[in-house]
Amino acid sequence: MAIELNKPALEHARALVRDGKVVRDERDAWSEAAPTPDEENAFIEDKGWTEYSHWHLGIDKSENRETKGAYSFPFGDFRRVHRSGVISGESRAGQYGHDEIRDALRALLELIDKS
C-alpha cells in the first residue's frame, strides 16, 4: 500500500477554506461529522469517483480508483471542510508515517485557524 498525497484534493480543500466553507469544530466531533457509508455511496452515485476523490487527501494508486479503498484521510462532509477531520487526519498520517500528508493537513489546519 503506497498512499500518496492527493494534490487535487488538497487544492479543493484550500479553495473551500478560502471560500469560508469550513466547520470550526473540535477534534472529537469528527466521529459524528464524518460521512456515513450510505452518505458516501449516495455522493458517489450522484457526483462520481473523481469528485469523491477530491474529499480525501490520501490516494493509493495501486488500488482501483473506483473503490473506496483507494482513498484515505477524508477532511469534510462533501459540502464543507471540518476542522475536526483535518486534525484527526493529521494525527493518523503522523502515526502511520505519511509525512507529506501530515504536513499538508497541518498547513490546512493553520489556514483554517488563520481565516
Protein backbone atom coordinates (compact mmCIF):
# COMPACT_ATOMS: atom_id res chain seq x y z
CA MET A 1 0.00 0.00 0.00
CA ALA A 2 1.62 3.21 -1.24
CA ILE A 3 -0.51 6.09 -0.05
CA GLU A 4 0.42 9.43 -1.60
CA LEU A 5 -0.77 12.99 -1.17
CA ASN A 6 -3.79 13.61 -3.40
CA LYS A 7 -2.83 17.06 -4.70
CA PRO A 8 -6.16 17.84 -6.42
CA ALA A 9 -7.90 17.15 -3.12
CA LEU A 10 -5.52 19.48 -1.30
CA GLU A 11 -6.28 22.27 -3.79
CA HIS A 12 -10.00 21.58 -3.36
CA ALA A 13 -9.68 21.79 0.44
CA ARG A 14 -7.72 25.05 0.26
CA ALA A 15 -10.33 26.57 -2.06
CA LEU A 16 -13.13 25.57 0.31
CA VAL A 17 -11.32 27.17 3.24
CA ARG A 18 -10.69 30.36 1.25
CA ASP A 19 -14.41 30.43 0.39
CA GLY A 20 -15.34 30.09 4.07
CA LYS A 21 -16.81 26.62 3.67
CA VAL A 22 -15.43 25.40 7.00
CA VAL A 23 -16.85 23.95 10.18
CA ARG A 24 -14.62 25.05 13.06
CA ASP A 25 -15.31 22.11 15.31
CA GLU A 26 -13.05 20.28 17.74
CA ARG A 27 -11.24 17.00 17.08
CA ASP A 28 -13.71 14.74 18.86
CA ALA A 29 -16.54 15.99 16.64
CA TRP A 30 -15.21 14.13 13.59
CA SER A 31 -16.71 10.80 14.64
CA GLU A 32 -20.16 12.42 14.33
CA ALA A 33 -19.38 14.70 11.36
CA ALA A 34 -17.68 12.16 9.07
CA PRO A 35 -19.89 10.93 6.25
CA THR A 36 -21.52 7.54 6.80
CA PRO A 37 -21.04 4.75 4.26
CA ASP A 38 -24.57 5.42 2.97
CA GLU A 39 -23.78 9.13 2.54
CA GLU A 40 -20.56 8.22 0.72
CA ASN A 41 -22.43 5.85 -1.60
CA ALA A 42 -25.08 8.46 -2.38
CA PHE A 43 -22.38 11.06 -3.11
CA ILE A 44 -20.52 8.67 -5.42
CA GLU A 45 -23.74 7.78 -7.23
CA ASP A 46 -24.62 11.46 -7.68
CA LYS A 47 -21.19 13.03 -8.34
CA GLY A 48 -18.87 10.16 -9.33
CA TRP A 49 -15.50 8.87 -8.23
CA THR A 50 -13.44 11.90 -9.25
CA GLU A 51 -15.48 14.22 -7.04
CA TYR A 52 -15.33 11.63 -4.24
CA SER A 53 -11.54 11.58 -4.54
CA HIS A 54 -11.42 15.35 -4.03
CA TRP A 55 -12.57 14.87 -0.43
CA HIS A 56 -9.61 12.62 0.56
CA LEU A 57 -6.00 13.74 0.96
CA GLY A 58 -4.64 10.21 0.63
CA ILE A 59 -4.69 8.15 -2.53
CA ASP A 60 -3.34 4.65 -3.08
CA LYS A 61 -2.61 4.48 -6.79
CA SER A 62 -2.13 0.72 -6.63
CA GLU A 63 -5.84 0.35 -5.82
CA ASN A 64 -8.74 0.53 -8.26
CA ARG A 65 -9.71 4.22 -8.31
CA GLU A 66 -13.36 3.27 -8.41
CA THR A 67 -13.26 1.73 -4.94
CA LYS A 68 -13.32 3.42 -1.57
CA GLY A 69 -10.15 1.52 -0.67
CA ALA A 70 -8.15 3.82 -2.92
CA TYR A 71 -8.90 6.86 -0.76
CA SER A 72 -7.96 7.83 2.77
CA PHE A 73 -7.69 10.85 5.04
CA PRO A 74 -11.13 12.43 4.48
CA PHE A 75 -11.47 16.01 5.64
CA GLY A 76 -15.07 17.03 5.09
CA ASP A 77 -18.74 16.18 4.71
CA PHE A 78 -18.98 16.74 0.90
CA ARG A 79 -20.04 20.35 1.50
CA ARG A 80 -17.52 21.83 3.92
CA VAL A 81 -14.09 21.15 5.40
CA HIS A 82 -14.32 20.08 9.02
CA ARG A 83 -11.54 21.25 11.30
CA SER A 84 -12.08 18.05 13.28
CA GLY A 85 -11.45 15.93 10.17
CA VAL A 86 -8.24 17.80 9.42
CA ILE A 87 -6.99 17.32 12.99
CA SER A 88 -7.93 13.64 13.01
CA GLY A 89 -6.25 13.06 9.65
CA GLU A 90 -3.08 14.89 10.68
CA SER A 91 -2.77 12.69 13.75
CA ARG A 92 -3.36 9.46 11.80
CA ALA A 93 -0.99 10.45 9.00
CA GLY A 94 1.76 11.14 11.51
CA GLN A 95 1.08 7.91 13.35
CA TYR A 96 1.46 5.85 10.16
CA GLY A 97 4.43 7.71 8.69
CA HIS A 98 2.64 9.57 5.89
CA ASP A 99 4.70 12.69 6.45
CA GLU A 100 3.72 14.57 3.28
CA ILE A 101 0.02 14.10 4.05
CA ARG A 102 0.58 15.02 7.72
CA ASP A 103 2.37 18.22 6.70
CA ALA A 104 -0.35 19.14 4.19
CA LEU A 105 -3.03 18.63 6.83
CA ARG A 106 -1.04 20.69 9.34
CA ALA A 107 -0.78 23.55 6.81
CA LEU A 108 -4.51 23.23 6.08
CA LEU A 109 -5.27 23.47 9.80
CA GLU A 110 -3.14 26.61 10.03
CA LEU A 111 -5.08 28.08 7.09
CA ILE A 112 -8.38 27.27 8.82
CA ASP A 113 -7.25 28.78 12.11
CA LYS A 114 -5.90 31.88 10.38
CA SER A 115 -9.03 32.58 8.35
